Protein backbone atom coordinates (compact mmCIF):
# COMPACT_ATOMS: atom_id res chain seq x y z
CA MET A 1 0.00 0.47 -0.15
CA ASN A 2 1.04 3.66 -1.27
CA LEU A 3 0.81 6.11 1.92
CA ASN A 4 1.66 9.52 1.82
CA ILE A 5 1.70 11.71 5.21
CA SER A 6 1.27 15.13 4.88
CA GLY A 7 1.15 18.14 7.93
CA HIS A 8 0.12 21.31 7.73
CA HIS A 9 0.73 24.24 9.36
CA VAL A 10 2.71 21.11 11.30
CA GLU A 11 6.34 19.52 11.02
CA VAL A 12 5.62 15.56 10.28
CA THR A 13 8.44 14.47 12.08
CA LEU A 14 9.87 10.81 12.34
CA PRO A 15 7.90 9.57 15.56
CA LEU A 16 4.95 11.08 13.59
CA ARG A 17 4.91 9.22 10.58
CA THR A 18 5.98 6.23 12.21
CA TYR A 19 3.41 6.27 14.57
CA VAL A 20 1.00 6.30 11.82
CA LYS A 21 2.64 3.61 9.88
CA ASP A 22 1.93 1.68 12.80
CA LYS A 23 -0.98 2.26 13.69
CA PHE A 24 -2.08 1.57 9.54
CA LYS A 25 -0.91 -1.97 9.91
CA ARG A 26 -3.97 -2.51 11.92
CA VAL A 27 -6.81 -1.15 9.24
CA GLU A 28 -4.70 -3.20 6.60
CA ARG A 29 -4.47 -6.44 9.26
CA HIS A 30 -8.57 -6.39 8.90
CA PHE A 31 -8.87 -5.45 5.17
CA ASP A 32 -5.64 -5.84 2.59
CA HIS A 33 -6.92 -4.64 -0.83
CA LEU A 34 -6.27 -1.49 0.31
CA ILE A 35 -4.27 0.80 -2.63
CA SER A 36 -3.13 3.73 -1.42
CA ALA A 37 -4.26 6.52 1.33
CA GLU A 38 -3.49 9.95 1.77
CA VAL A 39 -3.01 11.52 5.78
CA ILE A 40 -3.13 15.19 6.43
CA LEU A 41 -1.91 15.64 9.78
CA SER A 42 -2.86 20.14 10.89
CA VAL A 43 -2.91 22.61 13.19
CA GLU A 44 -5.42 24.88 13.72
CA LYS A 45 -4.83 26.68 17.34
CA THR A 46 -5.37 24.48 19.97
CA ARG A 47 -7.51 22.14 17.59
CA GLN A 48 -4.74 18.73 16.07
CA LYS A 49 -6.53 17.71 12.68
CA ALA A 50 -5.87 14.32 11.31
CA GLU A 51 -7.67 13.43 8.79
CA ALA A 52 -7.39 10.35 5.80
CA THR A 53 -8.77 8.87 2.49
CA VAL A 54 -7.80 5.78 2.46
CA HIS A 55 -8.32 4.41 -1.91
CA ALA A 56 -9.49 0.61 -1.86
CA SER A 57 -10.63 -1.89 -4.59
CA GLY A 58 -13.88 -0.78 -4.56
CA THR A 59 -14.03 2.35 -2.79
CA ASN A 60 -12.79 5.20 -1.65
CA MET A 61 -13.16 6.17 2.39
CA HIS A 62 -12.62 9.30 4.39
CA ALA A 63 -12.19 9.47 7.42
CA GLU A 64 -11.37 13.40 10.27
CA ALA A 65 -10.69 13.20 13.85
CA ILE A 66 -10.18 16.56 15.83
CA ASN A 67 -8.33 16.25 19.58
CA GLY A 68 -6.12 18.36 21.48
CA ASP A 69 -3.46 15.92 21.18
CA MET A 70 -1.87 15.14 17.70
CA TYR A 71 -1.60 11.56 18.93
CA ALA A 72 -4.85 10.85 20.29
CA ALA A 73 -6.66 12.63 17.05
CA ILE A 74 -4.34 10.17 15.27
CA ASP A 75 -5.97 6.86 17.21
CA LEU A 76 -9.40 8.44 17.02
CA LEU A 77 -8.84 8.62 13.23
CA MET A 78 -8.21 5.02 13.09
CA ASP A 79 -10.65 3.69 14.62
CA LYS A 80 -12.92 5.09 12.64
CA LEU A 81 -11.49 3.91 9.74
CA ASP A 82 -10.92 0.51 10.94
CA GLN A 83 -14.22 0.58 11.36
CA GLN A 84 -15.29 1.97 7.66
CA THR A 85 -12.96 -1.06 6.52
CA ARG A 86 -14.65 -3.47 8.73
CA LYS A 87 -18.39 -1.72 7.48
CA HIS A 88 -17.13 -2.71 3.54
CA LYS A 89 -15.18 -5.88 3.98
CA GLU A 90 -19.10 -7.23 5.29
CA LYS A 91 -20.91 -5.36 2.89
CA THR A 92 -18.18 -6.84 0.20
CA ARG A 93 -18.54 -10.73 2.22
CA SER A 94 -22.11 -10.67 2.13
CA HIS A 95 -22.82 -10.43 -1.35
CA HIS A 96 -20.63 -13.09 -2.25
CA HIS A 97 -22.24 -15.87 0.31
CA GLU A 98 -26.31 -14.31 -0.82
CA ALA A 99 -24.95 -15.16 -4.28
CA ALA A 100 -23.79 -18.60 -3.23
CA LYS A 101 -27.22 -19.03 -1.09
CA ARG A 102 -29.11 -18.78 -4.11
CA MET A 103 -26.75 -20.78 -6.50
CA GLU A 104 -27.36 -23.49 -4.25
CA LEU A 105 -31.43 -23.41 -4.58
CA GLN A 106 -31.14 -23.36 -7.79
């Protein structure tokens, strides 16, 4: 998977970059058909914002999270993306399961 991490009014340091990469492993573990992801970390006064757009086979997912701490915002973002990937995976799995049932009934 191609992962692009950028910052808006914040320098993306090596520890931040490593933290995001480690957290994305959890999303990849649940859904392995990810093509690319773009993560933007930004700071607006006291608001730390993390947003991501993930391109997967069959869909594009977007999530954003705001918190007072950048690491907490990244955690919230990954929770949201993880939930979206599990939901997408369940949708694709259930369609194949229903098609198989229909074939058995015929």
